[in-house]
């Protein structure tokens, strides 16, 4: 993957914007009708669309249909397509923000009526878009500026180079890392897959004086993913080197750090160092591997948690085997800030199996910051109607290291999303007195693949609407249930597959 001079890139699936627009129509922020004198306009639910998504001419727009009536004349249907322009809005003395505005009415049918409606709609939509600025760059800059510049030389955040554009569909490489039996110090690619990407709004960040444009401006968001965050190898190396340097001379767990080096490996993080404790010198050297943990099995049943990164340390050669080393390493990772969150998995353990017992979850680098930026934006939009903010929900999905770049995928949904169940993947359950089939994963017609816990939360929150099902909150979590009726054929699990002992 070639990021050019970009330090951090964040991709936002167009589906997130689509869900916000649907919500705004359902809550009448975008009105279903309005009048100007004798002119009456009825608007159907508008949709966000991407045209020519795989080309250099990919563009995002708002498709609006409805009926136009002037006085006593018969109603006439109209169809307009408004092109939207992603851009970076400057904020004096502060970090810029990602923004959208109406660029032009690209199509209007019929030309006279559609053009008139387009003029009205442009003002309405632009007023709404003014409240949809995404304050994403402030947190991204804050995550790396202290490692790039000396404290008294940090430039104004308004001088950083940024870009915000629609990324055309392409592919992104996904790798699964492992190592030969008994050789954790020699990581290797066990499997490599090219994932198709979906149209996405891409926010990029580069140092002052460097280019924030990625080569070819492709989308980095895999299909059926909400948000994709990529931290470049260069940015990771800069932060790791700076923080490692700051630890030299410190004492942790009674050991004085004499040397510490960290940098990215193609498939993980290289770490070496030396510490002195009780007159003895301890040295370590090797590669940290990062494994994303989300699903685990209990008696054949797929269980879920929000996802965390487990740091696998067995590939590091330490010349002594004492527990304080793990505490030292974790204490070091803790100070890395947002980038450190991908490293400190609250459980740094030589045994991967221990990941299932991790008491806490790590949400990935900048996931909280990006989520908060989107929440700020949709909170402002929700305020237009005086209602509660537009709902937003995200779940950890995946992460991997690719040629030294750190990538993190997040499932994210906002507003209102209408969908249907395409099929249900079944697993098994086993409890005292009963056993049989249970719902493992749910595939939606849109292509998203969700665990019942995820879909249950989305349904309960009102972010997702699916015919004949609803979300239920129970003491042990959320799940999906069909609406009560006498038809067993629409059950998520065939009743005949549930057995009592």
Protein backbone atom coordinates (compact mmCIF):
# COMPACT_ATOMS: atom_id res chain seq x y z
CA UNK A 1 0.00 0.00 0.00
CA UNK A 2 1.38 3.38 -1.04
CA UNK A 3 0.30 6.24 1.22
CA UNK A 4 2.68 8.77 -0.29
CA UNK A 5 3.50 11.37 2.39
CA UNK A 6 0.22 10.83 4.24
CA UNK A 7 0.73 10.10 7.93
CA UNK A 8 -2.82 9.08 8.87
CA UNK A 9 -5.82 8.27 6.66
CA UNK A 10 -9.38 7.74 7.85
CA UNK A 11 -12.06 6.35 5.55
CA UNK A 12 -15.77 6.83 6.29
CA UNK A 13 -18.17 4.54 4.44
CA UNK A 14 -20.75 6.49 2.43
CA UNK A 15 -23.37 4.28 4.12
CA UNK A 16 -22.84 6.30 7.32
CA UNK A 17 -23.81 9.52 5.54
CA UNK A 18 -26.70 7.69 3.88
CA UNK A 19 -28.04 6.61 7.29
CA UNK A 20 -27.83 10.18 8.58
CA UNK A 21 -29.82 11.53 5.60
CA UNK A 22 -32.50 8.85 6.07
CA UNK A 23 -32.77 9.79 9.74
CA UNK A 24 -33.04 13.50 8.91
CA UNK A 25 -35.95 12.79 6.56
CA UNK A 26 -37.68 10.51 9.10
CA UNK A 27 -37.41 13.24 11.76
CA UNK A 28 -38.51 15.95 9.26
CA UNK A 29 -35.27 17.93 9.41
CA UNK A 30 -35.46 17.35 5.66
CA UNK A 31 -39.16 18.13 5.15
CA UNK A 32 -41.43 15.87 3.14
CA UNK A 33 -43.21 18.93 1.74
CA UNK A 34 -42.88 22.69 1.56
CA UNK A 35 -44.66 25.60 -0.11
CA UNK A 36 -43.67 28.86 -1.76
CA UNK A 37 -46.80 30.85 -2.48
CA UNK A 38 -48.88 28.72 -4.87
CA UNK A 39 -46.01 26.28 -5.39
CA UNK A 40 -46.29 23.00 -3.48
CA UNK A 41 -43.45 20.47 -3.45
CA UNK A 42 -43.71 16.91 -2.13
CA UNK A 43 -40.38 15.16 -1.50
CA UNK A 44 -39.88 11.41 -1.29
CA UNK A 45 -37.17 10.04 0.98
CA UNK A 46 -33.87 11.24 -0.51
CA UNK A 47 -30.92 8.91 -0.86
CA UNK A 48 -27.16 9.35 -0.94
CA UNK A 49 -25.70 7.79 -4.09
CA UNK A 50 -22.27 7.40 -5.66
CA UNK A 51 -21.93 7.59 -9.43
CA UNK A 52 -19.13 5.93 -11.38
CA UNK A 53 -17.63 4.59 -8.12
CA UNK A 54 -14.75 2.74 -9.77
CA UNK A 55 -13.47 5.63 -11.89
CA UNK A 56 -11.51 8.85 -11.49
CA UNK A 57 -14.86 10.60 -11.95
CA UNK A 58 -16.46 9.03 -8.86
CA UNK A 59 -18.77 11.50 -7.16
CA UNK A 60 -21.22 11.54 -4.28
CA UNK A 61 -24.64 13.09 -4.56
CA UNK A 62 -28.15 13.36 -3.16
CA UNK A 63 -30.95 11.86 -5.25
CA UNK A 64 -34.31 13.57 -4.68
CA UNK A 65 -37.63 12.65 -6.29
CA UNK A 66 -41.14 13.89 -5.68
CA UNK A 67 -44.01 15.91 -7.10
CA UNK A 68 -44.36 19.58 -8.01
CA UNK A 69 -47.64 21.48 -8.11
CA UNK A 70 -48.31 25.10 -9.03
CA UNK A 71 -51.71 26.34 -7.91
CA UNK A 72 -54.53 24.25 -9.36
CA UNK A 73 -52.35 22.54 -11.95
CA UNK A 74 -51.88 18.78 -11.92
CA UNK A 75 -48.94 17.47 -9.91
CA UNK A 76 -45.83 16.77 -11.99
CA UNK A 77 -43.12 14.30 -10.97
CA UNK A 78 -39.53 15.52 -10.77
CA UNK A 79 -36.15 13.85 -10.37
CA UNK A 80 -32.96 15.70 -9.42
CA UNK A 81 -29.42 14.64 -8.58
CA UNK A 82 -27.34 17.07 -6.55
CA UNK A 83 -23.59 16.59 -6.59
CA UNK A 84 -21.94 17.05 -3.19
CA UNK A 85 -18.39 18.32 -2.74
CA UNK A 86 -16.18 16.98 0.05
CA UNK A 87 -13.62 19.58 1.12
CA UNK A 88 -11.51 20.76 4.05
CA UNK A 89 -12.86 23.86 5.76
CA UNK A 90 -10.23 26.12 7.32
CA UNK A 91 -10.79 27.32 10.87
CA UNK A 92 -8.79 30.39 11.84
CA UNK A 93 -6.13 29.58 14.43
CA UNK A 94 -7.37 26.02 14.88
CA UNK A 95 -7.46 22.62 13.23
CA UNK A 96 -9.39 22.40 9.95
CA UNK A 97 -12.53 20.27 9.66
CA UNK A 98 -13.84 17.87 7.02
CA UNK A 99 -16.97 19.22 5.35
CA UNK A 100 -19.54 18.70 2.58
CA UNK A 101 -21.41 21.23 0.45
CA UNK A 102 -23.69 21.20 -2.58
CA UNK A 103 -21.55 21.54 -5.70
CA UNK A 104 -24.20 21.64 -8.42
CA UNK A 105 -27.48 20.16 -9.58
CA UNK A 106 -26.07 17.63 -12.03
CA UNK A 107 -29.40 16.41 -13.39
CA UNK A 108 -32.92 17.81 -13.23
CA UNK A 109 -35.93 16.22 -14.91
CA UNK A 110 -38.01 17.80 -16.29
CA UNK A 111 -35.53 20.59 -16.85
CA UNK A 112 -37.80 23.49 -15.91
CA UNK A 113 -39.49 22.01 -12.84
CA UNK A 114 -36.49 19.99 -11.70
CA UNK A 115 -34.25 23.02 -12.01
CA UNK A 116 -36.62 25.11 -9.90
CA UNK A 117 -36.87 22.42 -7.21
CA UNK A 118 -33.10 22.03 -7.33
CA UNK A 119 -32.68 25.72 -6.55
CA UNK A 120 -34.93 25.41 -3.49
CA UNK A 121 -33.31 22.16 -2.38
CA UNK A 122 -29.77 23.48 -2.73
CA UNK A 123 -30.36 26.13 -0.08
CA UNK A 124 -32.08 23.65 2.24
CA UNK A 125 -29.39 20.97 1.95
CA UNK A 126 -26.53 23.46 2.23
CA UNK A 127 -28.00 24.77 5.49
CA UNK A 128 -28.00 21.21 6.83
CA UNK A 129 -24.50 20.45 5.56
CA UNK A 130 -23.21 23.54 7.36
CA UNK A 131 -23.93 21.61 10.56
CA UNK A 132 -22.20 18.44 9.37
CA UNK A 133 -18.56 19.51 9.70
CA UNK A 134 -16.47 16.61 11.05
CA UNK A 135 -13.79 17.85 13.51
CA UNK A 136 -11.53 14.91 12.82
CA UNK A 137 -8.13 16.51 12.25
CA UNK A 138 -7.65 17.96 15.72
CA UNK A 139 -7.32 14.55 17.37
CA UNK A 140 -5.23 13.08 14.54
CA UNK A 141 -2.74 15.94 14.75
CA UNK A 142 -2.70 15.70 18.53
CA UNK A 143 -1.75 12.04 18.31
CA UNK A 144 1.56 12.63 16.54
CA UNK A 145 2.63 16.30 16.76
CA UNK A 146 4.51 15.84 20.04
CA UNK A 147 6.63 13.08 18.50
CA UNK A 148 7.41 14.93 15.27
CA UNK A 149 8.30 18.33 16.73
CA UNK A 150 10.07 19.62 19.80
CA UNK A 151 7.67 21.12 22.32
CA UNK A 152 8.66 24.72 21.56
CA UNK A 153 8.53 24.13 17.79
CA UNK A 154 5.08 22.58 17.38
CA UNK A 155 3.39 24.45 14.49
CA UNK A 156 -0.15 25.78 14.56
CA UNK A 157 -2.55 22.98 13.72
CA UNK A 158 -4.02 25.06 10.91
CA UNK A 159 -0.71 24.68 9.00
CA UNK A 160 -0.88 20.89 8.69
CA UNK A 161 -1.78 19.63 5.23
CA UNK A 162 -5.11 17.85 4.94
CA UNK A 163 -7.42 16.49 2.28
CA UNK A 164 -11.01 15.23 2.21
CA UNK A 165 -12.34 13.53 -0.90
CA UNK A 166 -14.44 10.66 -2.22
CA UNK A 167 -12.29 7.57 -2.70
CA UNK A 168 -13.06 5.42 -5.73
CA UNK A 169 -13.54 1.69 -5.21
CA UNK A 170 -10.39 -0.38 -5.36
CA UNK A 171 -8.81 -3.12 -3.25
CA UNK A 172 -6.86 -3.30 0.00
CA UNK A 173 -4.66 -6.19 1.09
CA UNK A 174 -5.58 -8.06 4.25
CA UNK A 175 -2.95 -10.29 5.82
CA UNK A 176 -3.09 -12.93 8.52
CA UNK A 177 0.17 -13.29 10.39
CA UNK A 178 1.63 -16.36 12.01
CA UNK A 179 4.97 -18.06 12.43
CA UNK A 180 6.56 -21.47 11.79
CA UNK A 181 5.99 -23.99 14.60
CA UNK A 182 8.22 -23.11 17.52
CA UNK A 183 9.63 -19.98 15.84
CA UNK A 184 7.59 -16.99 17.05
CA UNK A 185 10.61 -14.78 16.43
CA UNK A 186 10.16 -15.35 12.68
CA UNK A 187 6.72 -13.95 11.76
CA UNK A 188 5.33 -14.72 8.34
CA UNK A 189 2.23 -14.10 6.25
CA UNK A 190 -0.04 -17.12 6.63
CA UNK A 191 -2.69 -15.77 4.29
CA UNK A 192 -3.10 -12.72 2.07
CA UNK A 193 -6.43 -11.62 0.59
CA UNK A 194 -7.33 -8.67 -1.59
CA UNK A 195 -10.50 -7.09 -0.20
CA UNK A 196 -12.75 -4.98 -2.41
CA UNK A 197 -13.25 -1.49 -1.04
CA UNK A 198 -16.46 0.52 -0.96
CA UNK A 199 -16.99 4.19 -1.88
CA UNK A 200 -15.86 6.23 1.10
CA UNK A 201 -15.05 9.74 2.20
CA UNK A 202 -11.32 9.85 2.90
CA UNK A 203 -9.73 12.27 5.37
CA UNK A 204 -5.94 12.42 5.17
CA UNK A 205 -3.27 14.17 7.23
CA UNK A 206 0.29 15.12 6.30
CA UNK A 207 2.98 17.26 7.92
CA UNK A 208 3.17 20.96 7.06
CA UNK A 209 4.88 21.24 3.69
CA UNK A 210 4.08 17.65 2.67
CA UNK A 211 1.30 16.33 0.43
CA UNK A 212 -1.90 14.98 1.95
CA UNK A 213 -2.89 13.29 -1.31
CA UNK A 214 -2.62 9.53 -1.54
CA UNK A 215 -1.62 8.14 -4.94
CA UNK A 216 -4.72 7.56 -7.11
CA UNK A 217 -7.08 8.66 -4.30
CA UNK A 218 -8.56 5.20 -3.85
CA UNK A 219 -10.95 4.15 -1.11
CA UNK A 220 -9.30 2.36 1.80
CA UNK A 221 -12.53 1.08 3.39
CA UNK A 222 -13.25 -2.64 2.83
CA UNK A 223 -16.80 -3.49 1.81
CA UNK A 224 -19.20 -3.83 4.75
CA UNK A 225 -16.90 -1.85 7.03
CA UNK A 226 -17.92 1.50 8.51
CA UNK A 227 -14.59 3.21 9.22
CA UNK A 228 -11.02 2.35 8.26
CA UNK A 229 -8.03 3.95 9.98
CA UNK A 230 -4.51 3.60 8.58
CA UNK A 231 -1.49 4.96 10.43
CA UNK A 232 1.53 5.04 8.14
CA UNK A 233 4.73 3.23 8.93
CA UNK A 234 6.52 6.56 9.02
CA UNK A 235 4.10 7.96 11.63
CA UNK A 236 4.31 4.81 13.72
CA UNK A 237 8.12 4.81 13.58
CA UNK A 238 8.25 8.46 14.61
CA UNK A 239 6.01 8.01 17.63
CA UNK A 240 7.61 4.74 18.72
CA UNK A 241 11.14 6.13 18.44
CA UNK A 242 10.26 9.29 20.37
CA UNK A 243 8.53 7.47 23.20
CA UNK A 244 11.30 4.86 23.42
CA UNK A 245 13.87 7.62 23.72
CA UNK A 246 11.90 9.25 26.53
CA UNK A 247 11.94 6.03 28.58
CA UNK A 248 15.74 5.77 28.73
CA UNK A 249 16.90 6.49 32.27
CA UNK A 250 13.52 5.83 33.87
CA UNK A 251 13.02 3.18 36.53
CA UNK A 252 10.14 0.73 36.17
CA UNK A 253 9.54 -2.15 38.57
CA UNK A 254 12.98 -1.49 40.08
CA UNK A 255 14.73 -1.74 36.72
CA UNK A 256 16.54 1.20 35.13
CA UNK A 257 16.12 1.45 31.36
CA UNK A 258 19.52 1.89 29.74
CA UNK A 259 18.41 1.52 26.13
CA UNK A 260 15.11 1.16 24.26
CA UNK A 261 14.36 1.05 20.54
CA UNK A 262 11.02 0.46 18.83
CA UNK A 263 10.07 0.62 15.16
CA UNK A 264 7.65 -1.03 12.78
CA UNK A 265 8.30 -4.43 11.27
CA UNK A 266 6.51 -5.42 8.05
CA UNK A 267 4.18 -7.57 10.14
CA UNK A 268 4.43 -6.18 13.66
CA UNK A 269 6.59 -4.03 15.93
CA UNK A 270 10.31 -4.53 16.48
CA UNK A 271 11.48 -3.89 20.02
CA UNK A 272 14.88 -4.13 21.65
CA UNK A 273 16.30 -2.78 24.85
CA UNK A 274 18.45 -3.14 27.90
CA UNK A 275 17.69 -2.61 31.57
CA UNK A 276 19.63 -3.02 34.79
CA UNK A 277 18.17 -4.44 37.98
CA UNK A 278 19.98 -5.51 41.16
CA UNK A 279 23.32 -5.29 39.38
CA UNK A 280 22.22 -7.59 36.55
CA UNK A 281 21.73 -6.48 32.94
CA UNK A 282 18.68 -7.76 31.09
CA UNK A 283 18.40 -7.52 27.32
CA UNK A 284 15.48 -8.19 25.01
CA UNK A 285 15.01 -8.19 21.26
CA UNK A 286 12.32 -9.39 18.88
CA UNK A 287 8.98 -8.68 17.21
CA UNK A 288 5.64 -7.95 18.84
CA UNK A 289 2.75 -9.41 16.86
CA UNK A 290 -0.72 -7.90 17.07
CA UNK A 291 -3.73 -10.23 16.92
CA UNK A 292 -7.27 -8.89 16.78
CA UNK A 293 -9.70 -10.81 18.99
CA UNK A 294 -13.46 -10.54 18.56
CA UNK A 295 -15.12 -13.95 18.45
CA UNK A 296 -14.52 -17.03 20.55
CA UNK A 297 -16.27 -20.37 20.86
CA UNK A 298 -17.89 -21.90 23.91
CA UNK A 299 -19.22 -25.42 23.40
CA UNK A 300 -19.71 -24.76 19.69
CA UNK A 301 -21.47 -21.44 20.15
CA UNK A 302 -19.99 -18.23 18.74
CA UNK A 303 -19.53 -15.68 21.51
CA UNK A 304 -18.82 -11.99 20.92
CA UNK A 305 -17.06 -9.08 22.49
CA UNK A 306 -16.31 -5.64 21.09
CA UNK A 307 -12.85 -6.56 19.89
CA UNK A 308 -9.36 -5.89 21.20
CA UNK A 309 -5.78 -6.22 20.08
CA UNK A 310 -3.79 -8.90 21.85
CA UNK A 311 -0.06 -8.25 21.87
CA UNK A 312 1.82 -11.52 21.40
CA UNK A 313 5.21 -11.31 23.08
CA UNK A 314 6.59 -14.83 22.67
CA UNK A 315 8.61 -13.70 19.66
CA UNK A 316 10.81 -11.56 21.92
CA UNK A 317 13.99 -13.14 23.19
CA UNK A 318 14.69 -12.14 26.81
CA UNK A 319 17.87 -13.34 28.46
CA UNK A 320 16.10 -13.87 31.78
CA UNK A 321 12.61 -15.18 32.51
CA UNK A 322 11.13 -13.02 35.23
CA UNK A 323 7.59 -11.57 35.50
CA UNK A 324 8.65 -7.95 35.93
CA UNK A 325 9.63 -7.79 32.26
CA UNK A 326 6.01 -8.05 31.17
CA UNK A 327 5.05 -5.30 33.63
CA UNK A 328 7.86 -3.13 32.33
CA UNK A 329 6.78 -3.60 28.73
CA UNK A 330 3.18 -2.81 29.53
CA UNK A 331 4.12 0.28 31.51
CA UNK A 332 6.09 1.49 28.51
CA UNK A 333 3.25 0.92 26.06
CA UNK A 334 0.81 2.75 28.30
CA UNK A 335 2.49 6.11 27.72
CA UNK A 336 2.19 6.03 23.94
CA UNK A 337 -1.20 7.75 23.88
CA UNK A 338 -3.64 6.95 21.05
CA UNK A 339 -1.08 4.91 19.12
CA UNK A 340 -0.19 3.07 22.32
CA UNK A 341 -3.77 1.90 22.67
CA UNK A 342 -3.23 -0.52 19.82
CA UNK A 343 -0.30 -1.98 21.70
CA UNK A 344 -1.44 -2.18 25.31
CA UNK A 345 -4.18 -4.77 25.09
CA UNK A 346 -4.74 -4.67 28.88
CA UNK A 347 -3.39 -8.21 28.65
CA UNK A 348 0.13 -8.73 27.35
CA UNK A 349 0.50 -12.46 27.58
CA UNK A 350 2.73 -15.12 26.04
CA UNK A 351 -0.31 -17.37 25.72
CA UNK A 352 -2.80 -16.37 23.05
CA UNK A 353 -5.52 -18.43 24.73
CA UNK A 354 -5.50 -15.99 27.63
CA UNK A 355 -7.02 -13.35 25.36
CA UNK A 356 -10.50 -14.78 25.93
CA UNK A 357 -10.20 -13.97 29.63
CA UNK A 358 -9.11 -10.36 29.11
CA UNK A 359 -11.12 -8.24 31.56
CA UNK A 360 -11.13 -5.14 29.38
CA UNK A 361 -11.21 -4.33 25.69
CA UNK A 362 -8.88 -2.19 23.63
CA UNK A 363 -10.73 -0.34 20.88
CA UNK A 364 -7.85 0.44 18.54
CA UNK A 365 -5.82 3.49 17.64
CA UNK A 366 -7.90 6.64 17.24
CA UNK A 367 -11.18 4.71 17.28
CA UNK A 368 -12.42 6.79 20.20
CA UNK A 369 -11.25 10.04 18.58
CA UNK A 370 -12.83 9.31 15.20
CA UNK A 371 -16.03 8.18 16.88
CA UNK A 372 -16.17 11.36 18.95
CA UNK A 373 -15.62 13.50 15.85
CA UNK A 374 -18.54 11.81 14.11
CA UNK A 375 -20.67 12.13 17.25
CA UNK A 376 -19.91 15.84 17.37
CA UNK A 377 -21.03 16.20 13.78
CA UNK A 378 -24.25 14.22 14.08
CA UNK A 379 -25.01 15.88 17.40
CA UNK A 380 -25.02 19.23 15.62
CA UNK A 381 -27.27 17.84 12.89
CA UNK A 382 -29.68 16.39 15.43
CA UNK A 383 -29.95 19.80 17.06
CA UNK A 384 -31.51 21.21 13.89
CA UNK A 385 -34.83 19.62 14.81
CA UNK A 386 -34.53 20.05 18.56
CA UNK A 387 -34.51 16.27 18.86
CA UNK A 388 -31.93 14.02 20.46
CA UNK A 389 -28.72 13.64 18.50
CA UNK A 390 -28.59 11.33 15.52
CA UNK A 391 -27.78 7.84 16.88
CA UNK A 392 -24.34 6.37 16.24
CA UNK A 393 -22.87 3.00 17.17
CA UNK A 394 -19.57 1.32 16.40
CA UNK A 395 -17.95 -2.08 17.00
CA UNK A 396 -14.39 -3.28 16.59
CA UNK A 397 -14.03 -5.36 13.43
CA UNK A 398 -10.40 -6.14 12.55
CA UNK A 399 -6.83 -4.88 12.52
CA UNK A 400 -3.57 -5.90 10.91
CA UNK A 401 -0.09 -4.63 10.05
CA UNK A 402 0.56 -4.26 6.33
CA UNK A 403 4.09 -3.41 5.19
CA UNK A 404 4.55 -1.65 8.52
CA UNK A 405 1.35 0.41 8.23
CA UNK A 406 -1.13 -0.18 11.03
CA UNK A 407 -4.73 -0.63 9.89
CA UNK A 408 -7.87 -0.82 12.00
CA UNK A 409 -11.39 -1.62 10.75
CA UNK A 410 -14.52 -0.52 12.59
CA UNK A 411 -18.13 -1.49 12.01
CA UNK A 412 -20.09 1.76 12.29
CA UNK A 413 -23.70 2.75 11.70
CA UNK A 414 -25.51 6.03 12.12
CA UNK A 415 -28.97 7.48 11.68
CA UNK A 416 -31.54 5.09 10.24
CA UNK A 417 -30.66 2.07 8.11
CA UNK A 418 -33.33 -0.15 6.54
CA UNK A 419 -32.26 -3.66 5.62
CA UNK A 420 -33.39 -7.28 5.35
CA UNK A 421 -32.00 -10.58 6.58
CA UNK A 422 -30.45 -12.50 3.72
CA UNK A 423 -29.58 -15.64 5.65
CA UNK A 424 -28.71 -16.88 9.12
CA UNK A 425 -25.57 -18.89 9.92
CA UNK A 426 -26.35 -21.37 12.67
CA UNK A 427 -24.10 -22.77 15.35
CA UNK A 428 -25.01 -24.84 18.39
CA UNK A 429 -25.84 -24.26 22.01
CA UNK A 430 -25.63 -26.55 25.00
CA UNK A 431 -27.14 -25.75 28.38
CA UNK A 432 -28.43 -27.89 31.19
CA UNK A 433 -31.51 -29.71 29.95
CA UNK A 434 -31.38 -28.52 26.33
CA UNK A 435 -29.22 -28.37 23.23
CA UNK A 436 -29.57 -27.64 19.53
CA UNK A 437 -29.12 -24.95 16.89
CA UNK A 438 -28.72 -21.29 17.68
CA UNK A 439 -28.10 -18.12 15.71
CA UNK A 440 -24.39 -17.71 15.03
CA UNK A 441 -24.10 -14.84 12.53
CA UNK A 442 -26.67 -12.88 10.53
CA UNK A 443 -26.02 -11.83 6.94
CA UNK A 444 -27.99 -8.82 5.73
CA UNK A 445 -29.10 -8.06 2.18
CA UNK A 446 -26.78 -5.04 2.17
CA UNK A 447 -23.79 -7.34 2.67
CA UNK A 448 -23.09 -6.64 6.34
CA UNK A 449 -22.38 -9.70 8.48
CA UNK A 450 -23.30 -9.15 12.12
CA UNK A 451 -23.31 -11.11 15.33
CA UNK A 452 -26.75 -11.23 17.03
CA UNK A 453 -25.32 -9.09 19.84
CA UNK A 454 -24.37 -6.37 17.33
CA UNK A 455 -27.62 -6.49 15.36
CA UNK A 456 -29.65 -6.64 18.57
CA UNK A 457 -28.02 -3.44 19.81
CA UNK A 458 -28.59 -1.68 16.48
CA UNK A 459 -32.25 -2.71 16.35
CA UNK A 460 -32.87 -1.73 19.96
CA UNK A 461 -31.27 1.68 19.38
CA UNK A 462 -33.39 2.26 16.27
CA UNK A 463 -30.35 2.58 14.01
CA UNK A 464 -31.38 -0.52 12.06
CA UNK A 465 -34.87 -1.46 10.87
CA UNK A 466 -35.53 -4.97 9.55
CA UNK A 467 -38.99 -6.34 8.75
CA UNK A 468 -40.40 -8.81 11.27
CA UNK A 469 -37.56 -8.65 13.82
CA UNK A 470 -36.61 -6.49 16.77
CA UNK A 471 -33.79 -6.17 19.27
CA UNK A 472 -34.07 -7.33 22.86
CA UNK A 473 -31.94 -6.30 25.83
CA UNK A 474 -31.45 -9.08 28.38
CA UNK A 475 -29.37 -9.42 31.54
CA UNK A 476 -26.63 -11.15 29.56
CA UNK A 477 -26.63 -8.78 26.55
CA UNK A 478 -28.63 -8.11 23.40
CA UNK A 479 -30.15 -10.49 20.89
CA UNK A 480 -32.47 -10.55 17.87
CA UNK A 481 -36.01 -11.91 18.04
CA UNK A 482 -38.75 -12.25 15.43
CA UNK A 483 -41.97 -10.37 16.03
CA UNK A 484 -44.68 -12.54 17.63
CA UNK A 485 -46.91 -14.36 15.14
CA UNK A 486 -48.24 -17.84 14.41
CA UNK A 487 -45.93 -18.49 11.45
CA UNK A 488 -42.95 -20.64 12.46
CA UNK A 489 -41.40 -20.48 8.97
CA UNK A 490 -39.93 -17.05 9.65
CA UNK A 491 -38.19 -18.09 12.85
CA UNK A 492 -34.47 -17.47 12.97
CA UNK A 493 -34.03 -21.05 14.21
CA UNK A 494 -36.19 -24.01 13.22
CA UNK A 495 -38.03 -25.11 16.41
CA UNK A 496 -37.36 -28.73 15.42
CA UNK A 497 -33.63 -28.07 15.89
CA UNK A 498 -34.03 -27.33 19.60
CA UNK A 499 -34.03 -30.41 21.80
CA UNK A 500 -34.68 -31.03 25.47
CA UNK A 501 -32.88 -33.78 27.34
